[in-house]
C-alpha atoms as a PDB file:
ATOM      1  CA  MET A   1       0.000   0.000   0.000  1.00  0.00           C
ATOM      2  CA  LEU A   2       1.194   3.549  -0.820  1.00  0.00           C
ATOM      3  CA  VAL A   3       4.233   2.088  -2.586  1.00  0.00           C
ATOM      4  CA  HIS A   4       4.070   4.551  -5.461  1.00  0.00           C
ATOM      5  CA  ALA A   5       2.254   7.478  -3.832  1.00  0.00           C
ATOM      6  CA  ASN A   6       5.229   9.699  -4.660  1.00  0.00           C
ATOM      7  CA  ARG A   7       4.187   9.470  -8.306  1.00  0.00           C
ATOM      8  CA  LEU A   8       1.059  11.569  -7.702  1.00  0.00           C
ATOM      9  CA  GLN A   9       0.960  14.821  -9.621  1.00  0.00           C
ATOM     10  CA  LEU A  10      -0.814  18.107  -8.921  1.00  0.00           C
ATOM     11  CA  LYS A  11      -3.592  17.205 -11.341  1.00  0.00           C
ATOM     12  CA  ASP A  12      -4.190  14.046  -9.312  1.00  0.00           C
ATOM     13  CA  PHE A  13      -4.623  16.041  -6.111  1.00  0.00           C
ATOM     14  CA  ARG A  14      -7.014  18.439  -7.864  1.00  0.00           C
ATOM     15  CA  LEU A  15      -9.132  15.510  -9.044  1.00  0.00           C
ATOM     16  CA  ILE A  16      -9.256  13.966  -5.568  1.00  0.00           C
ATOM     17  CA  LEU A  17     -10.379  17.272  -4.057  1.00  0.00           C
ATOM     18  CA  ALA A  18     -12.978  17.798  -6.764  1.00  0.00           C
ATOM     19  CA  ILE A  19     -14.475  14.337  -6.237  1.00  0.00           C
ATOM     20  CA  ARG A  20     -14.511  14.788  -2.475  1.00  0.00           C
ATOM     21  CA  ASP A  21     -16.219  18.187  -2.748  1.00  0.00           C
ATOM     22  CA  THR A  22     -18.815  17.195  -5.356  1.00  0.00           C
ATOM     23  CA  GLY A  23     -19.354  13.546  -4.435  1.00  0.00           C
ATOM     24  CA  GLN A  24     -19.727  12.699  -8.127  1.00  0.00           C
ATOM     25  CA  LEU A  25     -17.110  11.729 -10.712  1.00  0.00           C
ATOM     26  CA  ALA A  26     -19.060  13.414 -13.505  1.00  0.00           C
ATOM     27  CA  LEU A  27     -19.362  16.692 -11.576  1.00  0.00           C
ATOM     28  CA  ALA A  28     -15.685  16.592 -10.643  1.00  0.00           C
ATOM     29  CA  ALA A  29     -14.719  16.022 -14.274  1.00  0.00           C
ATOM     30  CA  ALA A  30     -16.870  18.954 -15.382  1.00  0.00           C
ATOM     31  CA  GLN A  31     -15.323  21.155 -12.693  1.00  0.00           C
ATOM     32  CA  LEU A  32     -11.854  20.352 -14.040  1.00  0.00           C
ATOM     33  CA  ALA A  33     -12.910  20.648 -17.708  1.00  0.00           C
ATOM     34  CA  MET A  34     -12.321  16.926 -18.326  1.00  0.00           C
ATOM     35  CA  THR A  35     -14.442  14.188 -19.795  1.00  0.00           C
ATOM     36  CA  GLN A  36     -15.807  11.628 -17.388  1.00  0.00           C
ATOM     37  CA  PRO A  37     -13.910   8.727 -19.022  1.00  0.00           C
ATOM     38  CA  ALA A  38     -10.649  10.674 -18.702  1.00  0.00           C
ATOM     39  CA  ALA A  39     -11.357  11.387 -15.040  1.00  0.00           C
ATOM     40  CA  SER A  40     -12.205   7.731 -14.464  1.00  0.00           C
ATOM     41  CA  ARG A  41      -8.915   6.618 -16.020  1.00  0.00           C
ATOM     42  CA  MET A  42      -6.988   9.159 -13.960  1.00  0.00           C
ATOM     43  CA  LEU A  43      -8.637   7.989 -10.722  1.00  0.00           C
ATOM     44  CA  ALA A  44      -7.858   4.360 -11.603  1.00  0.00           C
ATOM     45  CA  GLY A  45      -4.227   5.341 -12.135  1.00  0.00           C
ATOM     46  CA  ILE A  46      -4.139   7.140  -8.795  1.00  0.00           C
ATOM     47  CA  GLU A  47      -5.501   4.129  -6.932  1.00  0.00           C
ATOM     48  CA  GLN A  48      -3.103   1.828  -8.748  1.00  0.00           C
ATOM     49  CA  ALA A  49      -0.147   4.037  -7.795  1.00  0.00           C
ATOM     50  CA  ILE A  50      -1.269   4.176  -4.170  1.00  0.00           C
ATOM     51  CA  GLY A  51      -2.196   0.527  -3.994  1.00  0.00           C
ATOM     52  CA  ALA A  52      -5.519   1.148  -2.267  1.00  0.00           C
ATOM     53  CA  PRO A  53      -8.965   2.634  -3.019  1.00  0.00           C
ATOM     54  CA  VAL A  54      -9.237   6.380  -2.547  1.00  0.00           C
ATOM     55  CA  PHE A  55     -13.040   6.518  -2.707  1.00  0.00           C
ATOM     56  CA  HIS A  56     -15.956   4.319  -1.755  1.00  0.00           C
ATOM     57  CA  ARG A  57     -18.407   3.917  -4.653  1.00  0.00           C
ATOM     58  CA  HIS A  58     -22.073   4.176  -3.719  1.00  0.00           C
ATOM     59  CA  PRO A  59     -25.240   4.223  -5.849  1.00  0.00           C
ATOM     60  CA  LYS A  60     -25.660   7.916  -5.042  1.00  0.00           C
ATOM     61  CA  GLY A  61     -22.056   8.999  -5.342  1.00  0.00           C
ATOM     62  CA  MET A  62     -18.547   8.673  -3.922  1.00  0.00           C
ATOM     63  CA  THR A  63     -17.083   9.293  -0.473  1.00  0.00           C
ATOM     64  CA  PRO A  64     -13.395   9.218   0.519  1.00  0.00           C
ATOM     65  CA  THR A  65     -11.853   6.201   2.174  1.00  0.00           C
ATOM     66  CA  PRO A  66      -9.655   6.934   5.222  1.00  0.00           C
ATOM     67  CA  ILE A  67      -6.673   7.099   2.854  1.00  0.00           C
ATOM     68  CA  GLY A  68      -8.630   9.397   0.563  1.00  0.00           C
ATOM     69  CA  GLU A  69      -9.434  11.711   3.488  1.00  0.00           C
ATOM     70  CA  ILE A  70      -5.740  11.998   4.356  1.00  0.00           C
ATOM     71  CA  ILE A  71      -4.773  12.785   0.776  1.00  0.00           C
ATOM     72  CA  ALA A  72      -7.599  15.298   0.340  1.00  0.00           C
ATOM     73  CA  ARG A  73      -6.854  17.072   3.609  1.00  0.00           C
ATOM     74  CA  ASN A  74      -3.197  17.518   2.742  1.00  0.00           C
ATOM     75  CA  ALA A  75      -4.016  18.421  -0.851  1.00  0.00           C
ATOM     76  CA  VAL A  76      -5.804  21.551   0.372  1.00  0.00           C
ATOM     77  CA  GLY A  77      -2.637  22.964   1.927  1.00  0.00           C
ATOM     78  CA  LEU A  78      -0.471  21.767  -0.971  1.00  0.00           C
ATOM     79  CA  LEU A  79      -2.582  23.460  -3.629  1.00  0.00           C
ATOM     80  CA  ASN A  80      -3.064  26.632  -1.571  1.00  0.00           C
ATOM     81  CA  ASN A  81       0.694  26.920  -1.109  1.00  0.00           C
ATOM     82  CA  LEU A  82       1.200  26.384  -4.837  1.00  0.00           C
ATOM     83  CA  ASP A  83      -1.324  29.094  -5.684  1.00  0.00           C
ATOM     84  CA  ARG A  84       0.343  31.453  -3.238  1.00  0.00           C
ATOM     85  CA  THR A  85       3.782  30.680  -4.675  1.00  0.00           C
ATOM     86  CA  LEU A  86       2.573  31.490  -8.163  1.00  0.00           C
ATOM     87  CA  GLY A  87       0.962  34.663  -6.827  1.00  0.00           C
ATOM     88  CA  GLU A  88       4.212  35.761  -5.215  1.00  0.00           C
ATOM     89  CA  VAL A  89       6.154  35.060  -8.405  1.00  0.00           C
ATOM     90  CA  HIS A  90       3.615  37.164 -10.304  1.00  0.00           C
ATOM     91  CA  ALA A  91       3.900  39.943  -7.689  1.00  0.00           C
ATOM     92  CA  VAL A  92       7.686  40.039  -7.981  1.00  0.00           C
ATOM     93  CA  GLY A  93       7.304  40.262 -11.740  1.00  0.00           C
ATOM     94  CA  LEU A  94       5.165  43.354 -11.215  1.00  0.00           C
ATOM     95  CA  GLY A  95       7.800  44.941  -9.028  1.00  0.00           C
ATOM     96  CA  ARG A  96       6.120  44.192  -5.709  1.00  0.00           C
ATOM     97  CA  ALA A  97       7.905  42.883  -2.649  1.00  0.00           C
ATOM     98  CA  GLY A  98       5.813  39.729  -2.232  1.00  0.00           C
ATOM     99  CA  SER A  99       2.637  38.900  -0.333  1.00  0.00           C
ATOM    100  CA  ALA A 100       1.419  38.076   3.157  1.00  0.00           C
ATOM    101  CA  ARG A 101      -1.926  36.862   4.481  1.00  0.00           C
ATOM    102  CA  VAL A 102      -2.932  37.484   8.071  1.00  0.00           C
ATOM    103  CA  GLY A 103      -6.026  36.640  10.096  1.00  0.00           C
ATOM    104  CA  ALA A 104      -6.997  38.338  13.361  1.00  0.00           C
ATOM    105  CA  VAL A 105      -9.765  38.826  15.860  1.00  0.00           C
ATOM    106  CA  THR A 106     -11.060  42.391  15.832  1.00  0.00           C
ATOM    107  CA  GLY A 107      -9.201  43.835  18.811  1.00  0.00           C
ATOM    108  CA  SER A 108      -5.814  42.494  17.749  1.00  0.00           C
ATOM    109  CA  ALA A 109      -6.349  43.646  14.157  1.00  0.00           C
ATOM    110  CA  VAL A 110      -6.904  47.213  15.355  1.00  0.00           C
ATOM    111  CA  ALA A 111      -4.195  47.224  18.025  1.00  0.00           C
ATOM    112  CA  PHE A 112      -1.347  45.329  16.360  1.00  0.00           C
ATOM    113  CA  VAL A 113      -1.892  44.287  12.753  1.00  0.00           C
ATOM    114  CA  VAL A 114      -2.772  47.729  11.381  1.00  0.00           C
ATOM    115  CA  PRO A 115       0.234  49.489  13.002  1.00  0.00           C
ATOM    116  CA  ALA A 116       2.550  46.693  11.838  1.00  0.00           C
ATOM    117  CA  ILE A 117       1.302  47.003   8.255  1.00  0.00           C
ATOM    118  CA  GLN A 118       1.773  50.759   8.350  1.00  0.00           C
ATOM    119  CA  GLN A 119       5.346  50.244   9.503  1.00  0.00           C
ATOM    120  CA  LEU A 120       5.949  47.603   6.823  1.00  0.00           C
ATOM    121  CA  LYS A 121       4.649  49.874   4.069  1.00  0.00           C
ATOM    122  CA  LYS A 122       7.401  52.375   4.780  1.00  0.00           C
ATOM    123  CA  THR A 123       9.915  50.006   3.206  1.00  0.00           C
ATOM    124  CA  ALA A 124       7.650  47.757   1.095  1.00  0.00           C
ATOM    125  CA  ALA A 125       5.167  50.134  -0.461  1.00  0.00           C
ATOM    126  CA  LYS A 126       4.057  47.669  -3.149  1.00  0.00           C
ATOM    127  CA  ALA A 127       3.661  44.667  -0.876  1.00  0.00           C
ATOM    128  CA  ASP A 128       0.481  42.648  -1.382  1.00  0.00           C
ATOM    129  CA  ILE A 129      -1.059  42.238   2.078  1.00  0.00           C
ATOM    130  CA  HIS A 130      -4.365  40.569   2.917  1.00  0.00           C
ATOM    131  CA  VAL A 131      -6.009  40.863   6.337  1.00  0.00           C
ATOM    132  CA  ASP A 132      -9.105  38.913   7.360  1.00  0.00           C
ATOM    133  CA  VAL A 133     -11.003  39.672  10.569  1.00  0.00           C
ATOM    134  CA  ALA A 134     -13.035  36.731  11.827  1.00  0.00           C
ATOM    135  CA  PRO A 135     -13.852  34.616  14.895  1.00  0.00           C
ATOM    136  CA  SER A 136     -11.105  32.337  16.198  1.00  0.00           C
ATOM    137  CA  ASP A 137     -12.624  29.080  14.928  1.00  0.00           C
ATOM    138  CA  ALA A 138     -12.695  30.414  11.354  1.00  0.00           C
ATOM    139  CA  LEU A 139      -9.156  31.787  11.659  1.00  0.00           C
ATOM    140  CA  ILE A 140      -7.684  28.519  12.944  1.00  0.00           C
ATOM    141  CA  ALA A 141      -9.522  26.550  10.243  1.00  0.00           C
ATOM    142  CA  GLY A 142      -8.058  28.892   7.621  1.00  0.00           C
ATOM    143  CA  LEU A 143      -4.585  28.612   9.124  1.00  0.00           C
ATOM    144  CA  LEU A 144      -4.733  24.816   8.912  1.00  0.00           C
ATOM    145  CA  LYS A 145      -5.763  25.064   5.256  1.00  0.00           C
ATOM    146  CA  GLY A 146      -2.767  27.250   4.472  1.00  0.00           C
ATOM    147  CA  GLU A 147      -4.853  30.369   3.886  1.00  0.00           C
ATOM    148  CA  TYR A 148      -2.861  32.461   6.388  1.00  0.00           C
ATOM    149  CA  ASP A 149       0.807  32.899   7.226  1.00  0.00           C
ATOM    150  CA  PHE A 150      -0.141  33.559  10.835  1.00  0.00           C
ATOM    151  CA  VAL A 151      -3.146  34.583  12.886  1.00  0.00           C
ATOM    152  CA  LEU A 152      -3.863  36.498  16.065  1.00  0.00           C
ATOM    153  CA  SER A 153      -6.462  34.233  17.528  1.00  0.00           C
ATOM    154  CA  ARG A 154      -7.564  31.986  20.340  1.00  0.00           C
ATOM    155  CA  ILE A 155      -7.260  28.228  19.984  1.00  0.00           C
ATOM    156  CA  PRO A 156     -10.763  26.690  19.878  1.00  0.00           C
ATOM    157  CA  ALA A 157     -11.593  23.873  22.261  1.00  0.00           C
ATOM    158  CA  GLY A 158     -10.798  20.471  20.805  1.00  0.00           C
ATOM    159  CA  THR A 159      -7.967  21.756  18.590  1.00  0.00           C
ATOM    160  CA  ASP A 160      -4.566  20.094  18.988  1.00  0.00           C
ATOM    161  CA  ALA A 161      -2.268  22.997  19.854  1.00  0.00           C
ATOM    162  CA  ARG A 162       0.859  20.900  19.250  1.00  0.00           C
ATOM    163  CA  GLN A 163       0.636  21.574  15.512  1.00  0.00           C
ATOM    164  CA  PHE A 164       1.253  25.297  16.046  1.00  0.00           C
ATOM    165  CA  ASN A 165       4.003  27.701  16.975  1.00  0.00           C
ATOM    166  CA  ILE A 166       2.383  29.880  19.627  1.00  0.00           C
ATOM    167  CA  ARG A 167       3.617  33.173  21.028  1.00  0.00           C
ATOM    168  CA  ARG A 168       1.748  34.413  24.052  1.00  0.00           C
ATOM    169  CA  GLY A 169      -0.526  37.300  23.183  1.00  0.00           C
ATOM    170  CA  ARG A 170      -2.838  39.655  25.026  1.00  0.00           C
ATOM    171  CA  VAL A 171      -6.087  39.638  26.955  1.00  0.00           C
ATOM    172  CA  GLU A 172      -8.932  41.873  25.810  1.00  0.00           C
ATOM    173  CA  VAL A 173     -10.563  44.372  28.167  1.00  0.00           C
ATOM    174  CA  VAL A 174     -14.258  44.920  27.487  1.00  0.00           C
ATOM    175  CA  ARG A 175     -15.731  48.356  26.864  1.00  0.00           C
ATOM    176  CA  PHE A 176     -19.395  49.126  26.206  1.00  0.00           C
ATOM    177  CA  LEU A 177     -20.156  51.174  23.123  1.00  0.00           C
ATOM    178  CA  VAL A 178     -23.229  53.451  22.852  1.00  0.00           C
ATOM    179  CA  ARG A 179     -24.243  56.426  20.743  1.00  0.00           C
ATOM    180  CA  GLU A 180     -23.442  59.899  22.057  1.00  0.00           C
ATOM    181  CA  SER A 181     -27.117  60.634  22.789  1.00  0.00           C
ATOM    182  CA  HIS A 182     -27.577  57.432  24.804  1.00  0.00           C
ATOM    183  CA  PRO A 183     -29.063  57.939  28.312  1.00  0.00           C
ATOM    184  CA  LEU A 184     -25.907  56.477  29.884  1.00  0.00           C
ATOM    185  CA  ALA A 185     -23.405  58.493  27.826  1.00  0.00           C
ATOM    186  CA  GLY A 186     -21.252  60.680  30.035  1.00  0.00           C
ATOM    187  CA  GLN A 187     -22.498  59.126  33.277  1.00  0.00           C
ATOM    188  CA  LYS A 188     -20.250  57.602  35.913  1.00  0.00           C
ATOM    189  CA  LEU A 189     -21.105  53.921  36.119  1.00  0.00           C
ATOM    190  CA  SER A 190     -20.275  51.708  39.050  1.00  0.00           C
ATOM    191  CA  SER A 191     -21.493  48.249  38.033  1.00  0.00           C
ATOM    192  CA  LEU A 192     -23.090  46.140  35.333  1.00  0.00           C
ATOM    193  CA  GLY A 193     -26.392  46.747  37.047  1.00  0.00           C
ATOM    194  CA  ASP A 194     -26.329  50.272  35.606  1.00  0.00           C
ATOM    195  CA  LEU A 195     -26.589  48.704  32.137  1.00  0.00           C
ATOM    196  CA  ALA A 196     -29.687  46.646  32.931  1.00  0.00           C
ATOM    197  CA  GLY A 197     -32.855  47.247  30.955  1.00  0.00           C
ATOM    198  CA  PHE A 198     -31.212  48.173  27.652  1.00  0.00           C
ATOM    199  CA  GLU A 199     -31.128  46.256  24.393  1.00  0.00           C
ATOM    200  CA  TRP A 200     -27.791  44.682  23.428  1.00  0.00           C
ATOM    201  CA  VAL A 201     -26.012  44.014  20.150  1.00  0.00           C
ATOM    202  CA  ILE A 202     -23.280  41.463  20.730  1.00  0.00           C
ATOM    203  CA  GLN A 203     -21.375  38.535  19.265  1.00  0.00           C
ATOM    204  CA  ALA A 204     -23.078  35.171  19.038  1.00  0.00           C
ATOM    205  CA  PRO A 205     -23.252  32.705  21.955  1.00  0.00           C
ATOM    206  CA  HIS A 206     -20.111  30.676  22.690  1.00  0.00           C
ATOM    207  CA  THR A 207     -17.764  33.419  21.427  1.00  0.00           C
ATOM    208  CA  PRO A 208     -15.158  34.585  24.003  1.00  0.00           C
ATOM    209  CA  MET A 209     -16.548  38.128  24.227  1.00  0.00           C
ATOM    210  CA  ARG A 210     -20.106  36.902  24.754  1.00  0.00           C
ATOM    211  CA  GLN A 211     -19.008  34.318  27.326  1.00  0.00           C
ATOM    212  CA  ALA A 212     -16.977  36.854  29.306  1.00  0.00           C
ATOM    213  CA  VAL A 213     -19.841  39.359  29.432  1.00  0.00           C
ATOM    214  CA  GLU A 214     -22.476  36.767  30.345  1.00  0.00           C
ATOM    215  CA  GLU A 215     -20.229  35.291  33.042  1.00  0.00           C
ATOM    216  CA  ALA A 216     -19.786  38.771  34.521  1.00  0.00           C
ATOM    217  CA  PHE A 217     -23.567  39.216  34.661  1.00  0.00           C
ATOM    218  CA  VAL A 218     -24.083  35.805  36.259  1.00  0.00           C
ATOM    219  CA  THR A 219     -21.242  36.260  38.775  1.00  0.00           C
ATOM    220  CA  ARG A 220     -22.746  39.545  39.946  1.00  0.00           C
ATOM    221  CA  ALA A 221     -26.279  38.062  40.081  1.00  0.00           C
ATOM    222  CA  ILE A 222     -27.542  40.522  37.469  1.00  0.00           C
ATOM    223  CA  PRO A 223     -30.222  39.297  35.008  1.00  0.00           C
ATOM    224  CA  LEU A 224     -28.953  38.808  31.465  1.00  0.00           C
ATOM    225  CA  PRO A 225     -30.340  41.206  28.834  1.00  0.00           C
ATOM    226  CA  ASP A 226     -33.690  40.130  27.385  1.00  0.00           C
ATOM    227  CA  GLU A 227     -33.328  41.936  24.049  1.00  0.00           C
ATOM    228  CA  ILE A 228     -30.245  40.833  22.082  1.00  0.00           C
ATOM    229  CA  VAL A 229     -29.147  41.187  18.468  1.00  0.00           C
ATOM    230  CA  ASN A 230     -26.372  38.737  17.547  1.00  0.00           C
ATOM    231  CA  THR A 231     -23.744  39.701  14.971  1.00  0.00           C
ATOM    232  CA  THR A 232     -20.075  39.065  14.202  1.00  0.00           C
ATOM    233  CA  SER A 233     -19.915  42.190  12.026  1.00  0.00           C
ATOM    234  CA  LEU A 234     -18.455  45.333  13.584  1.00  0.00           C
ATOM    235  CA  LEU A 235     -20.074  47.374  10.804  1.00  0.00           C
ATOM    236  CA  VAL A 236     -23.531  45.989  11.636  1.00  0.00           C
ATOM    237  CA  MET A 237     -22.918  46.701  15.320  1.00  0.00           C
ATOM    238  CA  ILE A 238     -21.938  50.312  14.598  1.00  0.00           C
ATOM    239  CA  ALA A 239     -24.980  50.853  12.379  1.00  0.00           C
ATOM    240  CA  TYR A 240     -27.328  49.394  14.997  1.00  0.00           C
ATOM    241  CA  LEU A 241     -25.816  51.349  17.884  1.00  0.00           C
ATOM    242  CA  SER A 242     -25.942  54.593  15.921  1.00  0.00           C
ATOM    243  CA  SER A 243     -29.716  54.350  15.477  1.00  0.00           C
ATOM    244  CA  SER A 244     -30.827  52.896  18.822  1.00  0.00           C
ATOM    245  CA  ASP A 245     -30.214  52.956  22.553  1.00  0.00           C
ATOM    246  CA  ALA A 246     -28.617  49.517  22.404  1.00  0.00           C
ATOM    247  CA  ILE A 247     -25.330  48.706  24.124  1.00  0.00           C
ATOM    248  CA  GLY A 248     -22.500  46.871  22.351  1.00  0.00           C
ATOM    249  CA  PRO A 249     -19.631  45.156  24.197  1.00  0.00           C
ATOM    250  CA  ILE A 250     -16.375  45.635  22.287  1.00  0.00           C
ATOM    251  CA  SER A 251     -12.644  45.430  22.987  1.00  0.00           C
ATOM    252  CA  ARG A 252     -10.832  48.421  24.475  1.00  0.00           C
ATOM    253  CA  GLU A 253      -8.872  48.933  21.229  1.00  0.00           C
ATOM    254  CA  VAL A 254     -12.038  49.135  19.150  1.00  0.00           C
ATOM    255  CA  GLY A 255     -13.566  51.501  21.697  1.00  0.00           C
ATOM    256  CA  GLU A 256     -10.573  53.810  21.390  1.00  0.00           C
ATOM    257  CA  LEU A 257     -10.764  53.695  17.601  1.00  0.00           C
ATOM    258  CA  LEU A 258     -14.465  54.573  17.503  1.00  0.00           C
ATOM    259  CA  GLY A 259     -14.522  56.950  20.460  1.00  0.00           C
ATOM    260  CA  PRO A 260     -14.281  60.769  20.511  1.00  0.00           C
ATOM    261  CA  LYS A 261     -10.478  60.663  20.100  1.00  0.00           C
ATOM    262  CA  GLY A 262     -10.686  58.166  17.253  1.00  0.00           C
ATOM    263  CA  ILE A 263     -12.605  58.446  14.007  1.00  0.00           C
ATOM    264  CA  GLU A 264     -15.519  60.441  15.468  1.00  0.00           C
ATOM    265  CA  SER A 265     -18.128  57.811  14.776  1.00  0.00           C
ATOM    266  CA  GLY A 266     -20.751  59.419  16.993  1.00  0.00           C
ATOM    267  CA  LEU A 267     -20.240  56.622  19.515  1.00  0.00           C
ATOM    268  CA  VAL A 268     -18.720  56.667  22.991  1.00  0.00           C
ATOM    269  CA  ALA A 269     -17.382  53.918  25.230  1.00  0.00           C
ATOM    270  CA  LEU A 270     -18.694  53.333  28.735  1.00  0.00           C
ATOM    271  CA  GLU A 271     -16.319  52.098  31.408  1.00  0.00           C
ATOM    272  CA  LEU A 272     -17.070  50.278  34.640  1.00  0.00           C
ATOM    273  CA  ASP A 273     -15.128  50.320  37.893  1.00  0.00           C
ATOM    274  CA  GLU A 274     -14.644  46.551  37.627  1.00  0.00           C
ATOM    275  CA  PRO A 275     -13.196  45.622  34.204  1.00  0.00           C
ATOM    276  CA  ILE A 276     -14.349  42.522  32.323  1.00  0.00           C
ATOM    277  CA  ILE A 277     -11.468  40.517  30.880  1.00  0.00           C
ATOM    278  CA  VAL A 278     -11.719  38.179  27.874  1.00  0.00           C
ATOM    279  CA  ASN A 279      -9.439  35.141  27.553  1.00  0.00           C
ATOM    280  CA  PRO A 280      -6.182  36.019  25.724  1.00  0.00           C
ATOM    281  CA  TYR A 281      -5.541  35.608  22.023  1.00  0.00           C
ATOM    282  CA  HIS A 282      -2.115  34.546  20.746  1.00  0.00           C
ATOM    283  CA  LEU A 283       0.156  34.908  17.725  1.00  0.00           C
ATOM    284  CA  ILE A 284      -0.131  31.520  16.013  1.00  0.00           C
ATOM    285  CA  SER A 285       1.492  29.936  12.962  1.00  0.00           C
ATOM    286  CA  ARG A 286       1.715  26.366  11.683  1.00  0.00           C
ATOM    287  CA  LYS A 287       4.786  24.308  12.422  1.00  0.00           C
ATOM    288  CA  ASN A 288       6.865  23.457   9.335  1.00  0.00           C
ATOM    289  CA  HIS A 289       5.247  26.312   7.384  1.00  0.00           C
ATOM    290  CA  VAL A 290       7.881  28.428   5.662  1.00  0.00           C
ATOM    291  CA  MET A 291       6.784  32.061   5.400  1.00  0.00           C
ATOM    292  CA  SER A 292       7.843  34.396   2.649  1.00  0.00           C
ATOM    293  CA  PRO A 293      10.394  37.040   3.702  1.00  0.00           C
ATOM    294  CA  LEU A 294       7.624  39.656   3.613  1.00  0.00           C
ATOM    295  CA  ALA A 295       5.281  37.616   5.833  1.00  0.00           C
ATOM    296  CA  GLN A 296       8.133  36.911   8.247  1.00  0.00           C
ATOM    297  CA  HIS A 297       8.958  40.613   8.409  1.00  0.00           C
ATOM    298  CA  LEU A 298       5.313  41.485   9.057  1.00  0.00           C
ATOM    299  CA  ARG A 299       5.148  38.919  11.840  1.00  0.00           C
ATOM    300  CA  GLU A 300       8.256  40.427  13.448  1.00  0.00           C
ATOM    301  CA  LEU A 301       6.656  43.875  13.303  1.00  0.00           C
ATOM    302  CA  VAL A 302       3.491  42.529  14.953  1.00  0.00           C
ATOM    303  CA  VAL A 303       5.622  40.975  17.705  1.00  0.00           C
ATOM    304  CA  ALA A 304       7.462  44.284  18.194  1.00  0.00           C
ATOM    305  CA  THR A 305       4.184  46.185  18.351  1.00  0.00           C
ATOM    306  CA  MET A 306       2.793  43.786  20.932  1.00  0.00           C
ATOM    307  CA  ALA A 307       5.969  44.060  23.012  1.00  0.00           C
ATOM    308  CA  GLY A 308       5.779  47.833  22.836  1.00  0.00           C
ATOM    309  CA  GLU A 309       2.273  47.680  24.309  1.00  0.00           C
ATOM    310  CA  GLY A 310       3.470  45.559  27.203  1.00  0.00           C
ATOM    311  CA  GLY A 311       2.909  42.125  25.671  1.00  0.00           C
ATOM    312  CA  GLU A 312       5.405  39.304  25.704  1.00  0.00           C
END
């Protein structure tokens, strides 16, 4: 078994992924602009080279065997890295300095990624940089697929952390965002009880921010808000807060960005005597993943920015 697996070519991996994703040989062939007989012959050659079936054949379609799952899972990273390599070659040909892809939770994106990119652009003005802001589970899933060079994220429960290089990051301090005309704006607040009775717009259940806020309510024996709008979009939160008396828990960094000394969004941040702390996020990359010089430089700038703010 697997005696000739080293003979597999990129087109073989693309076919395996296409069959896994579509569940049908005919659909996979169409996706790759091949005829079905040609795809069938290619799959037979793959299984002959491996010495084992890659897919189970069923009346309604095809599903990967355990060996097929392993090949498909690794094919995702292989093909993503190939696409990124070709993209970097193209970027160099255009006179750019290369590319980097970063994922981050909102607070870390504002506090550390943006300043690092601004610093990087001073010496790499034509660098191709992509930044995604998303919840931690989506960021870690993307990192494992090879979509990011590194992420600023938490590690979701059930994820094997041994596959990552992890640099300790920062905790998030919660602020409460409201519009400037909100009844609580400008008032001195002493406890969460002062926020009772208002509508909330907040991240979905089971997210770290939501869990930290709800735990603070429960610990202080304060009833949880009855009226809640759930969203992962900062833009939706801002729009909702701007046109209602709702309250939106956000990180301190986002509060500073949107507050009176920031971009003058018409929103202000409320602060309590007892701060609410969210579990820390970390700087995470995959082991054995070789970053481009540009991505490595950006990571170093993020680390320096975090250290400058008192991180480790």
